[in-house]
């Protein structure tokens, strides 16, 4: 989450070495958190394999949690927007972003357009469509298409996701927007942990993601 802020600081204040720090962190996360089965990023990684959720062999968390993955692709597309075209890691980040989005769209709910709390397990009856990750995925896909980072064919995935989120929102008696199905702040756990997490209406995790999604869709 700190990557785009650091990249903007590097660009504004002439600190190019900070670009190297940002891209290194992005590469390390992709290297260690990538799930070989889905091609997406698992929620966490413990180098020492000491965390109760970590796999004893890989150190990885057991599940692909939507908002964590959403934050990563959102950060990646914003970093690329600031990263100099001559930076040696630019092509690496473009490849990572393209690979992740190509996997993420495979798990988009075809009927609704949104994505699930545990992204790759939408076939389970206790899993549910989550709005903050859906907004982040739409933002990242739409911006990546607009900037030419990925193929324009993904624009349709962004449109479907946006429409799914819009259909899900409600209005209160004052006609104020009510964004529900937003997972509250969450640590790392197993499948049951994620699907049992409480949701909140207008949680800032969801409102912020909703605002940048709407802004980007209007630009696309």
Protein backbone atom coordinates (compact mmCIF):
# COMPACT_ATOMS: atom_id res chain seq x y z
CA UNK A 1 0.00 0.00 0.00
CA UNK A 2 2.93 2.33 0.53
CA UNK A 3 4.35 1.73 -2.93
CA UNK A 4 2.41 4.37 -4.89
CA UNK A 5 3.07 7.03 -2.23
CA UNK A 6 6.78 6.23 -2.26
CA UNK A 7 6.83 6.29 -6.07
CA UNK A 8 5.11 9.68 -6.13
CA UNK A 9 7.60 11.01 -3.60
CA UNK A 10 10.45 9.72 -5.76
CA UNK A 11 9.00 11.44 -8.83
CA UNK A 12 8.21 14.76 -7.16
CA UNK A 13 11.38 15.20 -5.16
CA UNK A 14 13.98 13.64 -7.42
CA UNK A 15 14.73 10.53 -5.37
CA UNK A 16 15.13 7.86 -8.07
CA UNK A 17 16.61 5.33 -5.64
CA UNK A 18 13.18 5.06 -4.07
CA UNK A 19 11.81 3.67 -7.32
CA UNK A 20 14.23 0.77 -6.86
CA UNK A 21 12.88 0.13 -3.36
CA UNK A 22 9.29 0.14 -4.60
CA UNK A 23 9.89 -2.24 -7.48
CA UNK A 24 11.95 -4.56 -5.27
CA UNK A 25 9.05 -4.89 -2.83
CA UNK A 26 6.61 -5.57 -5.67
CA UNK A 27 8.89 -8.25 -7.10
CA UNK A 28 9.46 -9.89 -3.71
CA UNK A 29 5.73 -10.10 -3.05
CA UNK A 30 5.11 -11.66 -6.43
CA UNK A 31 7.97 -14.11 -5.98
CA UNK A 32 6.98 -15.33 -2.54
CA UNK A 33 3.19 -14.92 -2.43
CA UNK A 34 2.28 -16.32 -5.84
CA UNK A 35 0.02 -19.35 -5.69
CA UNK A 36 1.16 -21.83 -8.37
CA UNK A 37 -2.37 -23.27 -8.65
CA UNK A 38 -4.23 -20.06 -9.42
CA UNK A 39 -1.45 -17.70 -10.48
CA UNK A 40 -2.75 -15.12 -7.99
CA UNK A 41 -1.19 -13.86 -4.78
CA UNK A 42 -1.86 -15.48 -1.43
CA UNK A 43 -2.60 -13.12 1.42
CA UNK A 44 0.71 -13.37 3.24
CA UNK A 45 4.16 -14.90 3.47
CA UNK A 46 6.29 -15.60 6.54
CA UNK A 47 9.97 -16.04 5.75
CA UNK A 48 10.53 -17.85 9.06
CA UNK A 49 7.47 -20.14 8.76
CA UNK A 50 6.52 -19.25 12.34
CA UNK A 51 3.11 -17.62 11.86
CA UNK A 52 0.24 -19.97 12.70
CA UNK A 53 -1.23 -19.52 9.21
CA UNK A 54 2.00 -20.11 7.27
CA UNK A 55 2.64 -23.25 5.25
CA UNK A 56 5.61 -25.09 6.79
CA UNK A 57 7.21 -25.56 3.37
CA UNK A 58 6.43 -22.31 1.55
CA UNK A 59 5.66 -19.89 4.38
CA UNK A 60 2.56 -18.76 2.49
CA UNK A 61 -0.92 -18.05 3.75
CA UNK A 62 -3.54 -20.59 2.64
CA UNK A 63 -5.96 -18.33 0.73
CA UNK A 64 -6.25 -15.60 -1.90
CA UNK A 65 -8.07 -12.82 -0.07
CA UNK A 66 -9.77 -10.37 -2.40
CA UNK A 67 -8.85 -7.00 -0.93
CA UNK A 68 -5.18 -7.86 -0.44
CA UNK A 69 -4.91 -8.89 -4.08
CA UNK A 70 -6.89 -5.80 -5.06
CA UNK A 71 -4.44 -3.58 -3.23
CA UNK A 72 -1.52 -5.19 -5.02
CA UNK A 73 -2.82 -4.69 -8.56
CA UNK A 74 -4.02 -1.19 -7.69
CA UNK A 75 -0.56 -0.36 -6.37
CA UNK A 76 1.12 -1.92 -9.40
CA UNK A 77 -0.87 0.12 -11.91
CA UNK A 78 -0.30 3.34 -9.95
CA UNK A 79 3.43 2.65 -9.61
CA UNK A 80 3.69 2.03 -13.35
CA UNK A 81 1.97 5.34 -13.94
CA UNK A 82 4.88 7.05 -12.14
CA UNK A 83 7.81 4.76 -12.93
CA UNK A 84 10.20 6.17 -15.57
CA UNK A 85 9.98 4.34 -18.90
CA UNK A 86 13.73 3.76 -18.67
CA UNK A 87 13.58 2.00 -15.30
CA UNK A 88 14.99 -1.54 -15.61
CA UNK A 89 12.11 -3.06 -13.63
CA UNK A 90 9.34 -1.47 -15.68
CA UNK A 91 9.03 -4.44 -18.01
CA UNK A 92 8.97 -6.78 -15.01
CA UNK A 93 6.09 -4.93 -13.38
CA UNK A 94 4.19 -4.79 -16.67
CA UNK A 95 4.55 -8.56 -16.99
CA UNK A 96 3.45 -9.15 -13.39
CA UNK A 97 0.42 -6.89 -13.77
CA UNK A 98 -0.59 -8.57 -17.01
CA UNK A 99 -0.24 -12.04 -15.55
CA UNK A 100 -2.24 -11.21 -12.44
CA UNK A 101 -5.09 -9.55 -14.30
CA UNK A 102 -5.29 -12.47 -16.72
CA UNK A 103 -5.81 -14.73 -13.68
CA UNK A 104 -8.14 -12.41 -11.76
CA UNK A 105 -10.67 -12.17 -14.59
CA UNK A 106 -10.98 -15.97 -14.63
CA UNK A 107 -12.62 -15.79 -11.22
CA UNK A 108 -15.01 -12.93 -11.95
CA UNK A 109 -18.58 -14.03 -11.31
CA UNK A 110 -20.12 -14.31 -14.77
CA UNK A 111 -23.65 -13.51 -13.63
CA UNK A 112 -23.01 -10.69 -11.17
CA UNK A 113 -19.72 -9.22 -12.40
CA UNK A 114 -18.09 -8.91 -8.99
CA UNK A 115 -15.47 -11.04 -7.22
CA UNK A 116 -15.61 -13.19 -4.10
CA UNK A 117 -14.14 -12.62 -0.65
CA UNK A 118 -11.92 -15.70 -1.21
CA UNK A 119 -11.32 -15.04 -4.87
CA UNK A 120 -10.83 -18.53 -6.28
CA UNK A 121 -13.56 -20.31 -4.30
CA UNK A 122 -16.73 -18.74 -5.63
CA UNK A 123 -18.24 -22.21 -6.02
CA UNK A 124 -18.62 -22.59 -2.25
CA UNK A 125 -22.01 -21.67 -0.85
CA UNK A 126 -20.65 -19.85 2.20
CA UNK A 127 -18.38 -17.58 0.14
CA UNK A 128 -19.78 -14.17 -0.84
CA UNK A 129 -19.31 -11.33 -3.30
CA UNK A 130 -17.22 -8.58 -1.73
CA UNK A 131 -17.36 -4.96 -2.85
CA UNK A 132 -14.01 -3.48 -1.84
CA UNK A 133 -11.98 -6.02 -3.79
CA UNK A 134 -14.37 -5.75 -6.73
CA UNK A 135 -13.91 -1.96 -6.83
CA UNK A 136 -10.12 -2.31 -6.66
CA UNK A 137 -10.05 -4.90 -9.44
CA UNK A 138 -12.24 -2.70 -11.65
CA UNK A 139 -10.02 0.32 -10.97
CA UNK A 140 -6.82 -1.56 -11.74
CA UNK A 141 -8.17 -3.18 -14.90
CA UNK A 142 -9.75 0.00 -16.25
CA UNK A 143 -6.66 2.12 -15.60
CA UNK A 144 -4.31 -0.52 -16.99
CA UNK A 145 -6.36 -0.60 -20.20
CA UNK A 146 -6.49 3.20 -20.44
CA UNK A 147 -2.73 3.48 -19.95
CA UNK A 148 -1.99 0.74 -22.47
CA UNK A 149 -0.49 -1.61 -19.88
CA UNK A 150 -2.80 -4.50 -20.82
CA UNK A 151 -4.90 -5.57 -23.79
CA UNK A 152 -8.07 -3.50 -24.44
CA UNK A 153 -10.12 -6.71 -24.36
CA UNK A 154 -10.14 -6.47 -20.55
CA UNK A 155 -12.25 -3.31 -20.69
CA UNK A 156 -15.34 -5.53 -20.75
CA UNK A 157 -14.31 -7.16 -17.46
CA UNK A 158 -14.02 -3.71 -15.89
CA UNK A 159 -17.44 -2.73 -17.20
CA UNK A 160 -19.10 -5.87 -15.85
CA UNK A 161 -17.45 -5.44 -12.47
CA UNK A 162 -18.49 -1.80 -12.24
CA UNK A 163 -22.08 -2.60 -13.12
CA UNK A 164 -22.13 -5.39 -10.53
CA UNK A 165 -21.00 -3.02 -7.79
CA UNK A 166 -23.50 -0.34 -8.85
CA UNK A 167 -26.34 -2.86 -8.77
CA UNK A 168 -25.38 -3.87 -5.23
CA UNK A 169 -25.51 -0.42 -3.64
CA UNK A 170 -28.55 0.93 -1.81
CA UNK A 171 -29.74 4.36 -0.71
CA UNK A 172 -30.94 5.46 2.71
CA UNK A 173 -33.90 7.73 3.42
CA UNK A 174 -31.77 10.78 2.58
CA UNK A 175 -30.74 9.24 -0.75
CA UNK A 176 -27.16 8.79 0.49
CA UNK A 177 -25.24 5.91 -1.05
CA UNK A 178 -24.93 2.78 1.11
CA UNK A 179 -22.06 0.54 0.02
CA UNK A 180 -22.49 -2.83 1.70
CA UNK A 181 -20.74 -6.20 1.51
CA UNK A 182 -17.43 -4.68 2.55
CA UNK A 183 -15.23 -6.86 4.72
CA UNK A 184 -14.01 -5.09 7.85
CA UNK A 185 -10.28 -4.85 8.58
CA UNK A 186 -8.85 -8.34 8.39
CA UNK A 187 -5.77 -10.30 9.38
CA UNK A 188 -4.65 -13.59 7.90
CA UNK A 189 -6.35 -16.93 8.43
CA UNK A 190 -7.87 -19.97 6.80
CA UNK A 191 -10.89 -20.16 4.49
CA UNK A 192 -13.39 -20.23 7.36
CA UNK A 193 -11.80 -17.13 8.88
CA UNK A 194 -12.38 -15.05 5.74
CA UNK A 195 -15.93 -16.10 4.96
CA UNK A 196 -17.01 -15.49 8.55
CA UNK A 197 -15.60 -11.97 8.69
CA UNK A 198 -18.21 -9.30 9.48
CA UNK A 199 -19.18 -6.78 6.83
CA UNK A 200 -19.86 -3.09 7.19
CA UNK A 201 -21.82 -0.47 5.29
CA UNK A 202 -19.72 2.44 4.05
CA UNK A 203 -16.57 1.07 5.64
CA UNK A 204 -13.75 3.30 4.40
CA UNK A 205 -12.05 0.30 2.80
CA UNK A 206 -15.05 0.14 0.51
CA UNK A 207 -15.83 3.83 0.11
CA UNK A 208 -12.29 4.71 -0.94
CA UNK A 209 -12.14 1.86 -3.42
CA UNK A 210 -15.58 2.81 -4.75
CA UNK A 211 -14.53 6.44 -5.33
CA UNK A 212 -11.37 5.65 -7.26
CA UNK A 213 -13.26 3.02 -9.29
CA UNK A 214 -15.94 5.51 -10.29
CA UNK A 215 -13.36 8.16 -11.12
CA UNK A 216 -11.39 5.77 -13.32
CA UNK A 217 -14.46 4.42 -15.11
CA UNK A 218 -15.39 8.01 -16.01
CA UNK A 219 -11.93 8.48 -17.52
CA UNK A 220 -11.93 5.21 -19.44
